[in-house]
Protein backbone atom coordinates (compact mmCIF):
# COMPACT_ATOMS: atom_id res chain seq x y z
CA MET A 1 118.91 69.71 98.01
CA THR A 2 115.61 69.81 96.28
CA THR A 3 114.50 71.77 92.89
CA SER A 4 110.74 72.98 92.19
CA THR A 5 109.60 72.95 88.55
CA GLU A 6 106.38 74.55 89.86
CA GLY A 7 105.97 77.50 87.17
CA ALA A 8 108.61 76.24 84.71
CA ALA A 9 107.25 75.93 81.24
CA PRO A 10 106.58 72.51 79.99
CA SER A 11 109.20 71.07 78.30
CA ARG A 12 108.28 69.48 74.80
CA PRO A 13 109.85 65.87 74.09
CA ALA A 14 113.38 65.56 73.26
CA LYS A 15 112.08 63.38 70.12
CA THR A 16 110.55 66.89 68.77
CA THR A 17 113.44 68.88 69.11
CA GLY A 18 115.49 67.55 66.40
CA ALA A 19 112.20 67.11 63.92
CA LEU A 20 111.29 70.30 64.96
CA THR A 21 114.57 72.21 63.66
CA ARG A 22 115.03 70.11 60.58
CA PHE A 23 111.58 71.14 59.71
CA ARG A 24 112.05 74.96 60.54
CA ALA A 25 115.14 74.61 57.91
CA SER A 26 113.38 72.83 55.35
CA ALA A 27 110.44 75.45 55.54
CA TYR A 28 112.58 78.20 54.92
CA VAL A 29 114.79 76.47 52.28
CA THR A 30 111.54 75.68 50.67
CA GLY A 31 109.95 79.09 50.89
CA VAL A 32 113.35 80.69 49.33
CA GLY A 33 113.16 78.09 47.03
CA LEU A 34 109.95 78.91 45.74
CA LEU A 35 110.09 82.13 45.53
CA ALA A 36 113.39 81.28 43.16
CA LEU A 37 111.02 79.29 41.36
CA CYS A 38 108.61 81.83 40.92
CA VAL A 39 111.52 84.35 39.73
CA THR A 40 112.33 81.72 37.15
CA MET A 41 109.16 81.32 35.91
CA VAL A 42 108.96 85.26 35.07
CA VAL A 43 112.07 85.03 33.21
CA GLU A 44 110.71 82.01 31.48
CA TYR A 45 107.33 83.37 30.26
CA GLY A 46 107.98 87.23 30.78
CA PHE A 47 111.49 87.17 28.91
CA GLY A 48 111.16 83.93 26.87
CA ASN A 49 114.22 82.52 28.33
CA SER A 50 113.86 78.91 29.58
CA THR A 51 117.21 77.95 30.95
CA PRO A 52 117.22 79.25 34.52
CA ALA A 53 113.39 77.47 34.83
CA ALA A 54 114.98 73.88 32.91
CA VAL A 55 117.95 73.95 35.47
CA TYR A 56 116.27 75.34 38.55
CA SER A 57 112.87 73.06 38.59
CA PRO A 58 114.57 69.84 39.55
CA ILE A 59 116.62 71.28 42.00
CA HIS A 60 112.99 72.94 43.99
CA GLY A 61 111.40 69.75 43.27
CA VAL A 62 113.96 67.39 45.48
CA LEU A 63 113.65 70.52 48.30
CA TYR A 64 109.93 70.43 48.65
CA MET A 65 110.35 66.34 48.88
CA ILE A 66 113.11 66.76 51.55
CA TYR A 67 110.03 69.40 53.23
CA LEU A 68 107.43 66.72 52.76
CA VAL A 69 109.45 63.68 54.51
CA LEU A 70 110.65 66.51 57.21
CA THR A 71 106.96 67.67 57.86
CA ILE A 72 105.70 63.96 58.29
CA ASP A 73 108.61 63.23 60.64
CA LEU A 74 107.78 66.01 62.84
CA ALA A 75 103.88 65.45 62.14
CA ILE A 76 104.62 61.60 63.65
CA LYS A 77 106.58 62.37 66.40
CA ALA A 78 104.43 65.25 67.73
CA ARG A 79 100.81 63.52 66.85
CA TRP A 80 99.18 65.90 64.28
CA SER A 81 96.29 65.23 62.76
CA ILE A 82 95.72 64.04 59.26
CA LYS A 83 93.91 67.65 58.27
CA SER A 84 97.13 69.43 60.30
CA THR A 85 99.70 67.47 58.49
CA VAL A 86 98.17 67.66 54.98
CA LEU A 87 97.72 71.59 55.54
CA VAL A 88 101.21 72.04 56.67
CA LEU A 89 102.46 69.67 53.53
CA LEU A 90 100.17 72.16 51.24
CA ALA A 91 101.53 75.44 52.85
CA GLY A 92 104.88 74.55 50.68
CA CYS A 93 103.25 75.19 47.52
CA VAL A 94 102.32 79.08 47.82
CA PRO A 95 104.77 81.42 48.23
CA PHE A 96 105.42 83.08 51.44
CA VAL A 97 102.79 81.15 53.29
CA SER A 98 105.63 78.23 54.57
CA PHE A 99 107.16 81.49 56.33
CA VAL A 100 104.06 81.80 58.06
CA VAL A 101 102.95 78.35 58.53
CA GLU A 102 106.62 77.25 59.99
CA ARG A 103 106.25 80.60 63.02
CA ARG A 104 102.79 78.93 63.70
CA VAL A 105 103.91 75.15 63.97
CA THR A 106 106.93 76.10 66.02
CA HIS A 107 104.94 78.13 68.44
CA ARG A 108 102.32 75.19 68.71
CA VAL A 109 104.96 72.27 68.72
CA GLN A 110 106.81 74.30 71.75
CA ALA A 111 103.65 74.75 73.40
CA SER A 112 102.77 70.99 72.70
CA GLN A 113 99.40 72.45 71.15
CA ASP A 114 97.46 70.96 68.14
CA ILE A 115 98.18 72.92 65.08
CA PHE A 116 95.21 73.56 63.77
């Protein structure tokens, strides 16, 4: 008995599956972390309490560094251009953008398309 793969969706390489999952998790955590950093900045500059920012800012820095590493890992495995890689890396710097870019990257990588 033979099986036909005609009409089946093209499967992405196995090496990008794990990298994509790690990227998605880090993009979500970075997005939430950036929103939390914005809240700590409002507390610091709006209410004069610098304690939350002093505690959370280094944590956010570590989360962003993890995002950078996992994004570069996915970029290498999915063979992104330098432009696409840099744009996705910068998406972790703007509130809410990491969520939008995460969805775009997920759909494009699964379809084996270029990101931008």
